[in-house]
Protein backbone atom coordinates (compact mmCIF):
# COMPACT_ATOMS: atom_id res chain seq x y z
CA MET A 1 16.94 27.27 16.47
CA THR A 2 13.71 26.23 14.77
CA ALA A 3 12.18 22.79 14.68
CA THR A 4 10.68 21.36 11.52
CA ALA A 5 7.90 18.81 11.50
CA ALA A 6 8.64 15.44 9.98
CA SER A 7 6.65 14.60 6.88
CA THR A 8 3.78 12.18 7.50
CA VAL A 9 3.08 11.64 3.78
CA GLY A 10 4.16 8.19 2.65
CA SER A 11 4.64 6.63 -0.76
CA ARG A 12 2.32 7.50 -3.64
CA HIS A 13 -0.34 4.77 -4.00
CA LEU A 14 -0.04 2.77 -7.24
CA LYS A 15 -2.15 -0.23 -8.26
CA LEU A 16 -0.44 -3.29 -9.74
CA ARG A 17 -2.82 -5.42 -11.81
CA THR A 18 -2.52 -8.58 -13.86
CA SER A 19 -3.54 -8.09 -17.49
CA GLN A 20 -5.47 -10.62 -19.60
CA CYS A 21 -2.31 -11.59 -21.49
CA GLY A 22 -0.46 -12.39 -18.25
CA GLY A 23 1.52 -9.16 -18.00
CA LEU A 24 1.42 -6.55 -15.25
CA THR A 25 -0.14 -3.10 -15.45
CA LEU A 26 0.80 -0.26 -13.12
CA GLU A 27 -1.85 2.42 -12.58
CA PRO A 28 -1.95 5.44 -10.29
CA CYS A 29 -4.79 5.46 -7.77
CA GLU A 30 -7.98 7.22 -8.92
CA ASP A 31 -7.54 9.56 -5.94
CA GLY A 32 -4.72 11.83 -7.12
CA SER A 33 -3.68 12.70 -3.55
CA CYS A 34 -3.72 9.10 -2.24
CA HIS A 35 -0.66 8.03 -0.23
CA VAL A 36 0.31 4.98 1.81
CA ASP A 37 1.02 5.38 5.53
CA ALA A 38 3.61 3.41 7.54
CA ALA A 39 0.99 0.78 8.46
CA GLY A 40 0.13 0.04 4.80
CA HIS A 41 -3.21 1.84 4.78
CA THR A 42 -4.06 4.19 1.93
CA SER A 43 -6.22 7.28 2.11
CA CYS A 44 -8.58 5.61 -0.43
CA GLY A 45 -9.08 2.61 1.88
CA ARG A 46 -6.96 -0.05 0.15
CA LEU A 47 -4.05 -2.01 1.59
CA ALA A 48 -0.67 -1.21 -0.01
CA CYS A 49 3.02 -1.74 0.68
CA PRO A 50 4.40 1.05 2.89
CA SER A 51 7.81 0.62 1.24
CA CYS A 52 7.02 0.85 -2.49
CA GLY A 53 3.39 2.08 -2.46
CA TYR A 54 2.03 -0.71 -4.68
CA SER A 55 -1.27 -2.48 -3.98
CA GLY A 56 -2.94 -5.38 -5.72
CA CYS A 57 -1.58 -8.66 -7.03
CA ASN A 58 1.90 -8.02 -5.58
CA LEU A 59 0.63 -8.46 -1.99
CA SER A 60 0.26 -11.84 -0.28
CA SER A 61 -3.08 -10.61 1.12
CA GLN A 62 -5.06 -7.80 -0.47
CA TYR A 63 -7.79 -7.63 2.16
CA LEU A 64 -7.81 -7.88 5.94
CA PRO A 65 -10.71 -8.92 8.16
CA ALA A 66 -11.96 -6.10 10.39
CA GLY A 67 -10.14 -5.97 13.70
CA ARG A 68 -7.55 -8.59 12.67
CA SER A 69 -3.82 -8.24 12.09
CA ARG A 70 -1.71 -10.46 9.86
CA PRO A 71 1.68 -10.46 8.16
CA VAL A 72 1.60 -9.20 4.59
CA ALA A 73 4.44 -9.65 2.09
CA CYS A 74 5.05 -7.53 -0.99
CA SER A 75 6.86 -8.63 -4.14
CA CYS A 76 9.41 -5.84 -3.47
CA GLY A 77 10.61 -7.87 -0.45
CA HIS A 78 8.99 -5.79 2.29
CA VAL A 79 7.01 -7.66 4.98
CA TRP A 80 4.94 -5.96 7.67
CA ILE A 81 2.12 -6.67 10.12
CA ALA A 82 -1.00 -5.01 8.77
CA ALA A 83 -4.01 -4.36 10.99
CA GLY A 84 -7.55 -4.50 9.64
CA ALA A 85 -9.67 -1.44 10.23
């Protein structure tokens, strides 16, 4: 019997932005290999939803103070406690 390692790669990181006309724009992260981990941290340094992978205007808090944790809600319905780096 052989054991297989569980994948540690999370959701692909996508940025959700508000356009000038009031609509929403979805863009892939500039870093083509950027993914979101289970704590909501991305490899590019942004905060993103660990469930859907979106960051930006869909989050209740886009930035966290260093060393602080706080609840963050995403428009997809996911809520988690995110820790500042």
